[in-house]
Amino acid sequence: MGRSFFYITTGNENEAERVARRLVEKNLVACANIIPQIKSFFRWEGEVQGESECIVVGKTRTSLIGELVEEVKNVHSYEVPCVLSWPIEKGNPDFLRWIETETKK
């Protein structure tokens, strides 16, 4: 079974909490952690922008990433939300089994 980390940026802590809770409630993720205050710089519509954001990171099954992306797009305020993932190579076997138990099959 494949497991992955995910990374999502949000406009504020309330949105981060809403996204994280929704993903856990729908059993799309086993765990979501919020990093509350970051500063992001990016180019949008041809201009360099700087904004305060939050990060949501967590753990899920790799097979759920597509559904996770769609759910985030449904509830996120950004036109093009940042949702990225990468595989978990190794870890505590008990924790890796817990990810499997807490996410939908």
N, C-alpha and C. Protein backbone atom coordinates (compact mmCIF):
# COMPACT_ATOMS: atom_id res chain seq x y z
N MET A 1 0.85 -1.19 0.00
CA MET A 1 0.00 0.00 0.00
C MET A 1 0.88 1.24 0.00
N GLY A 2 0.56 2.20 -0.85
CA GLY A 2 1.32 3.43 -0.89
C GLY A 2 0.74 4.49 0.03
N ARG A 3 1.63 5.22 0.66
CA ARG A 3 1.21 6.34 1.51
C ARG A 3 1.96 7.57 1.06
N SER A 4 1.34 8.74 1.27
CA SER A 4 1.92 10.00 0.82
C SER A 4 1.74 11.10 1.85
N PHE A 5 2.68 12.04 1.81
CA PHE A 5 2.51 13.32 2.47
C PHE A 5 1.77 14.23 1.52
N PHE A 6 1.05 15.22 2.04
CA PHE A 6 0.47 16.25 1.19
C PHE A 6 0.78 17.62 1.78
N TYR A 7 0.73 18.63 0.92
CA TYR A 7 1.07 20.01 1.27
C TYR A 7 0.05 20.91 0.59
N ILE A 8 -0.60 21.75 1.37
CA ILE A 8 -1.63 22.66 0.86
C ILE A 8 -1.38 24.03 1.49
N THR A 9 -1.47 25.10 0.70
CA THR A 9 -1.42 26.44 1.29
C THR A 9 -2.82 27.02 1.30
N THR A 10 -3.09 27.85 2.33
CA THR A 10 -4.39 28.51 2.46
C THR A 10 -4.18 29.98 2.79
N GLY A 11 -5.22 30.77 2.61
CA GLY A 11 -5.13 32.21 2.83
C GLY A 11 -5.09 32.63 4.28
N ASN A 12 -5.60 31.78 5.18
CA ASN A 12 -5.60 32.13 6.60
C ASN A 12 -5.83 30.88 7.43
N GLU A 13 -5.73 31.03 8.75
CA GLU A 13 -5.84 29.88 9.64
C GLU A 13 -7.25 29.29 9.65
N ASN A 14 -8.27 30.13 9.55
CA ASN A 14 -9.65 29.60 9.51
C ASN A 14 -9.85 28.69 8.31
N GLU A 15 -9.35 29.12 7.16
CA GLU A 15 -9.47 28.28 5.97
C GLU A 15 -8.67 26.99 6.12
N ALA A 16 -7.48 27.09 6.71
CA ALA A 16 -6.65 25.90 6.93
C ALA A 16 -7.40 24.90 7.82
N GLU A 17 -8.02 25.39 8.88
CA GLU A 17 -8.78 24.52 9.77
C GLU A 17 -9.98 23.90 9.05
N ARG A 18 -10.67 24.69 8.24
CA ARG A 18 -11.82 24.17 7.50
C ARG A 18 -11.40 23.08 6.52
N VAL A 19 -10.32 23.31 5.79
CA VAL A 19 -9.83 22.32 4.83
C VAL A 19 -9.36 21.05 5.56
N ALA A 20 -8.56 21.22 6.61
CA ALA A 20 -8.03 20.07 7.35
C ALA A 20 -9.16 19.23 7.94
N ARG A 21 -10.10 19.88 8.59
CA ARG A 21 -11.22 19.15 9.21
C ARG A 21 -12.03 18.41 8.15
N ARG A 22 -12.30 19.05 7.02
CA ARG A 22 -13.09 18.42 5.95
C ARG A 22 -12.41 17.15 5.43
N LEU A 23 -11.09 17.23 5.23
CA LEU A 23 -10.36 16.08 4.71
C LEU A 23 -10.35 14.92 5.71
N VAL A 24 -10.22 15.22 7.00
CA VAL A 24 -10.25 14.17 8.03
C VAL A 24 -11.66 13.60 8.14
N GLU A 25 -12.67 14.46 8.16
CA GLU A 25 -14.06 13.99 8.26
C GLU A 25 -14.44 13.06 7.12
N LYS A 26 -13.93 13.33 5.93
CA LYS A 26 -14.26 12.50 4.76
C LYS A 26 -13.34 11.29 4.63
N ASN A 27 -12.50 11.04 5.64
CA ASN A 27 -11.55 9.92 5.65
C ASN A 27 -10.60 9.94 4.46
N LEU A 28 -10.34 11.14 3.94
CA LEU A 28 -9.37 11.27 2.85
C LEU A 28 -7.95 11.36 3.37
N VAL A 29 -7.80 11.73 4.64
CA VAL A 29 -6.48 11.81 5.26
C VAL A 29 -6.55 11.23 6.67
N ALA A 30 -5.43 10.69 7.13
CA ALA A 30 -5.37 10.18 8.49
C ALA A 30 -5.08 11.31 9.47
N CYS A 31 -4.34 12.29 9.01
CA CYS A 31 -3.90 13.37 9.89
C CYS A 31 -3.60 14.61 9.06
N ALA A 32 -3.94 15.77 9.60
CA ALA A 32 -3.59 17.05 8.97
C ALA A 32 -3.03 17.96 10.04
N ASN A 33 -1.90 18.58 9.75
CA ASN A 33 -1.25 19.52 10.66
C ASN A 33 -1.25 20.90 10.03
N ILE A 34 -1.42 21.93 10.86
CA ILE A 34 -1.46 23.30 10.36
C ILE A 34 -0.23 24.06 10.86
N ILE A 35 0.47 24.67 9.93
CA ILE A 35 1.55 25.61 10.25
C ILE A 35 0.94 26.99 10.01
N PRO A 36 0.70 27.76 11.09
CA PRO A 36 -0.20 28.90 10.99
C PRO A 36 0.30 30.16 10.29
N GLN A 37 1.57 30.45 10.25
CA GLN A 37 1.95 31.75 9.71
C GLN A 37 3.21 31.63 8.86
N ILE A 38 3.03 31.78 7.56
CA ILE A 38 4.18 31.83 6.66
C ILE A 38 4.01 33.05 5.76
N LYS A 39 5.06 33.45 5.12
CA LYS A 39 5.01 34.53 4.14
C LYS A 39 5.36 33.92 2.80
N SER A 40 4.49 34.09 1.82
CA SER A 40 4.70 33.52 0.49
C SER A 40 4.88 34.62 -0.53
N PHE A 41 5.81 34.41 -1.45
CA PHE A 41 6.00 35.31 -2.58
C PHE A 41 5.83 34.48 -3.84
N PHE A 42 5.09 35.03 -4.81
CA PHE A 42 4.76 34.27 -6.01
C PHE A 42 4.38 35.25 -7.12
N ARG A 43 4.37 34.74 -8.33
CA ARG A 43 3.91 35.53 -9.48
C ARG A 43 2.49 35.09 -9.80
N TRP A 44 1.57 36.05 -9.88
CA TRP A 44 0.18 35.76 -10.23
C TRP A 44 -0.30 36.84 -11.19
N GLU A 45 -0.81 36.39 -12.33
CA GLU A 45 -1.31 37.29 -13.38
C GLU A 45 -0.27 38.34 -13.73
N GLY A 46 1.00 37.89 -13.85
CA GLY A 46 2.08 38.75 -14.32
C GLY A 46 2.70 39.67 -13.29
N GLU A 47 2.25 39.62 -12.05
CA GLU A 47 2.80 40.49 -11.02
C GLU A 47 3.31 39.67 -9.84
N VAL A 48 4.41 40.15 -9.25
CA VAL A 48 4.93 39.52 -8.05
C VAL A 48 4.06 39.94 -6.87
N GLN A 49 3.62 38.95 -6.11
CA GLN A 49 2.75 39.18 -4.97
C GLN A 49 3.43 38.65 -3.71
N GLY A 50 3.07 39.20 -2.58
CA GLY A 50 3.51 38.71 -1.28
C GLY A 50 2.30 38.64 -0.36
N GLU A 51 2.06 37.50 0.23
CA GLU A 51 0.88 37.29 1.08
C GLU A 51 1.23 36.45 2.30
N SER A 52 0.50 36.65 3.38
CA SER A 52 0.56 35.75 4.51
C SER A 52 -0.32 34.54 4.20
N GLU A 53 0.17 33.36 4.51
CA GLU A 53 -0.59 32.14 4.28
C GLU A 53 -0.37 31.17 5.43
N CYS A 54 -1.09 30.07 5.39
CA CYS A 54 -0.91 28.94 6.30
C CYS A 54 -0.62 27.71 5.46
N ILE A 55 -0.02 26.72 6.09
CA ILE A 55 0.24 25.45 5.42
C ILE A 55 -0.53 24.35 6.13
N VAL A 56 -1.13 23.47 5.35
CA VAL A 56 -1.72 22.25 5.87
C VAL A 56 -0.88 21.11 5.30
N VAL A 57 -0.30 20.29 6.17
CA VAL A 57 0.45 19.11 5.74
C VAL A 57 -0.16 17.90 6.42
N GLY A 58 0.06 16.74 5.85
CA GLY A 58 -0.49 15.56 6.48
C GLY A 58 -0.15 14.29 5.75
N LYS A 59 -0.83 13.22 6.18
CA LYS A 59 -0.56 11.89 5.68
C LYS A 59 -1.83 11.24 5.17
N THR A 60 -1.70 10.49 4.06
CA THR A 60 -2.84 9.81 3.46
C THR A 60 -2.36 8.63 2.63
N ARG A 61 -3.30 7.91 2.06
CA ARG A 61 -2.97 6.87 1.09
C ARG A 61 -2.69 7.55 -0.26
N THR A 62 -1.73 7.06 -0.97
CA THR A 62 -1.41 7.60 -2.29
C THR A 62 -2.62 7.50 -3.22
N SER A 63 -3.39 6.44 -3.10
CA SER A 63 -4.55 6.24 -3.97
C SER A 63 -5.64 7.29 -3.77
N LEU A 64 -5.59 8.05 -2.67
CA LEU A 64 -6.61 9.06 -2.38
C LEU A 64 -6.22 10.47 -2.82
N ILE A 65 -5.02 10.65 -3.36
CA ILE A 65 -4.55 12.00 -3.69
C ILE A 65 -5.47 12.68 -4.70
N GLY A 66 -5.92 11.99 -5.74
CA GLY A 66 -6.81 12.61 -6.73
C GLY A 66 -8.10 13.11 -6.09
N GLU A 67 -8.69 12.32 -5.23
CA GLU A 67 -9.92 12.71 -4.54
C GLU A 67 -9.65 13.85 -3.56
N LEU A 68 -8.50 13.81 -2.89
CA LEU A 68 -8.10 14.88 -1.98
C LEU A 68 -7.99 16.21 -2.74
N VAL A 69 -7.34 16.20 -3.89
CA VAL A 69 -7.20 17.42 -4.70
C VAL A 69 -8.57 17.97 -5.07
N GLU A 70 -9.48 17.12 -5.52
CA GLU A 70 -10.82 17.58 -5.91
C GLU A 70 -11.57 18.16 -4.72
N GLU A 71 -11.46 17.54 -3.56
CA GLU A 71 -12.14 18.05 -2.36
C GLU A 71 -11.59 19.41 -1.97
N VAL A 72 -10.27 19.56 -2.02
CA VAL A 72 -9.66 20.86 -1.70
C VAL A 72 -10.15 21.92 -2.68
N LYS A 73 -10.18 21.60 -3.96
CA LYS A 73 -10.66 22.56 -4.96
C LYS A 73 -12.11 22.97 -4.70
N ASN A 74 -12.92 22.07 -4.16
CA ASN A 74 -14.32 22.36 -3.87
C ASN A 74 -14.50 23.32 -2.70
N VAL A 75 -13.59 23.30 -1.73
CA VAL A 75 -13.77 24.10 -0.51
C VAL A 75 -12.79 25.26 -0.37
N HIS A 76 -11.82 25.34 -1.23
CA HIS A 76 -10.75 26.34 -1.11
C HIS A 76 -11.15 27.67 -1.74
N SER A 77 -10.65 28.75 -1.18
CA SER A 77 -10.98 30.09 -1.70
C SER A 77 -10.13 30.48 -2.92
N TYR A 78 -8.99 29.83 -3.11
CA TYR A 78 -8.11 30.20 -4.23
C TYR A 78 -8.65 29.65 -5.55
N GLU A 79 -8.43 30.40 -6.60
CA GLU A 79 -8.79 29.94 -7.94
C GLU A 79 -7.97 28.72 -8.32
N VAL A 80 -6.69 28.71 -7.95
CA VAL A 80 -5.79 27.60 -8.24
C VAL A 80 -5.05 27.24 -6.94
N PRO A 81 -5.67 26.44 -6.07
CA PRO A 81 -5.01 26.11 -4.80
C PRO A 81 -3.77 25.24 -4.99
N CYS A 82 -2.78 25.47 -4.16
CA CYS A 82 -1.58 24.64 -4.14
C CYS A 82 -1.90 23.36 -3.38
N VAL A 83 -1.86 22.24 -4.07
CA VAL A 83 -2.01 20.92 -3.45
C VAL A 83 -0.94 20.03 -4.07
N LEU A 84 0.01 19.61 -3.26
CA LEU A 84 1.12 18.78 -3.73
C LEU A 84 1.22 17.53 -2.86
N SER A 85 1.83 16.49 -3.40
CA SER A 85 2.06 15.29 -2.60
C SER A 85 3.37 14.64 -3.01
N TRP A 86 3.90 13.84 -2.11
CA TRP A 86 5.07 13.03 -2.39
C TRP A 86 5.00 11.77 -1.56
N PRO A 87 5.59 10.68 -2.05
CA PRO A 87 5.45 9.39 -1.37
C PRO A 87 6.22 9.33 -0.06
N ILE A 88 5.67 8.58 0.87
CA ILE A 88 6.36 8.26 2.12
C ILE A 88 7.16 6.99 1.85
N GLU A 89 8.45 7.07 1.95
CA GLU A 89 9.33 5.94 1.65
C GLU A 89 9.40 4.93 2.80
N LYS A 90 9.63 5.45 4.01
CA LYS A 90 9.82 4.58 5.18
C LYS A 90 9.29 5.29 6.40
N GLY A 91 9.12 4.54 7.48
CA GLY A 91 8.68 5.13 8.73
C GLY A 91 8.34 4.07 9.75
N ASN A 92 7.79 4.51 10.85
CA ASN A 92 7.34 3.60 11.91
C ASN A 92 6.25 2.71 11.33
N PRO A 93 6.47 1.40 11.27
CA PRO A 93 5.47 0.50 10.68
C PRO A 93 4.09 0.62 11.34
N ASP A 94 4.05 0.83 12.65
CA ASP A 94 2.77 0.98 13.34
C ASP A 94 2.05 2.24 12.87
N PHE A 95 2.80 3.32 12.69
CA PHE A 95 2.20 4.57 12.22
C PHE A 95 1.71 4.41 10.77
N LEU A 96 2.50 3.76 9.95
CA LEU A 96 2.10 3.56 8.55
C LEU A 96 0.83 2.72 8.46
N ARG A 97 0.69 1.72 9.33
CA ARG A 97 -0.55 0.94 9.36
C ARG A 97 -1.72 1.81 9.82
N TRP A 98 -1.47 2.70 10.77
CA TRP A 98 -2.51 3.61 11.25
C TRP A 98 -3.05 4.48 10.12
N ILE A 99 -2.18 4.96 9.24
CA ILE A 99 -2.63 5.75 8.08
C ILE A 99 -3.62 4.93 7.27
N GLU A 100 -3.30 3.66 7.04
CA GLU A 100 -4.19 2.78 6.29
C GLU A 100 -5.54 2.61 6.99
N THR A 101 -5.50 2.44 8.32
CA THR A 101 -6.71 2.22 9.09
C THR A 101 -7.63 3.42 9.08
N GLU A 102 -7.07 4.62 9.12
CA GLU A 102 -7.86 5.84 9.29
C GLU A 102 -8.31 6.50 7.99
N THR A 103 -7.96 5.92 6.86
CA THR A 103 -8.40 6.48 5.57
C THR A 103 -9.28 5.48 4.86
N LYS A 104 -10.14 6.00 3.99
CA LYS A 104 -11.08 5.09 3.32
C LYS A 104 -10.38 4.22 2.31
N LYS A 105 -10.95 3.05 2.14
CA LYS A 105 -10.38 2.04 1.24
C LYS A 105 -10.74 2.34 -0.19
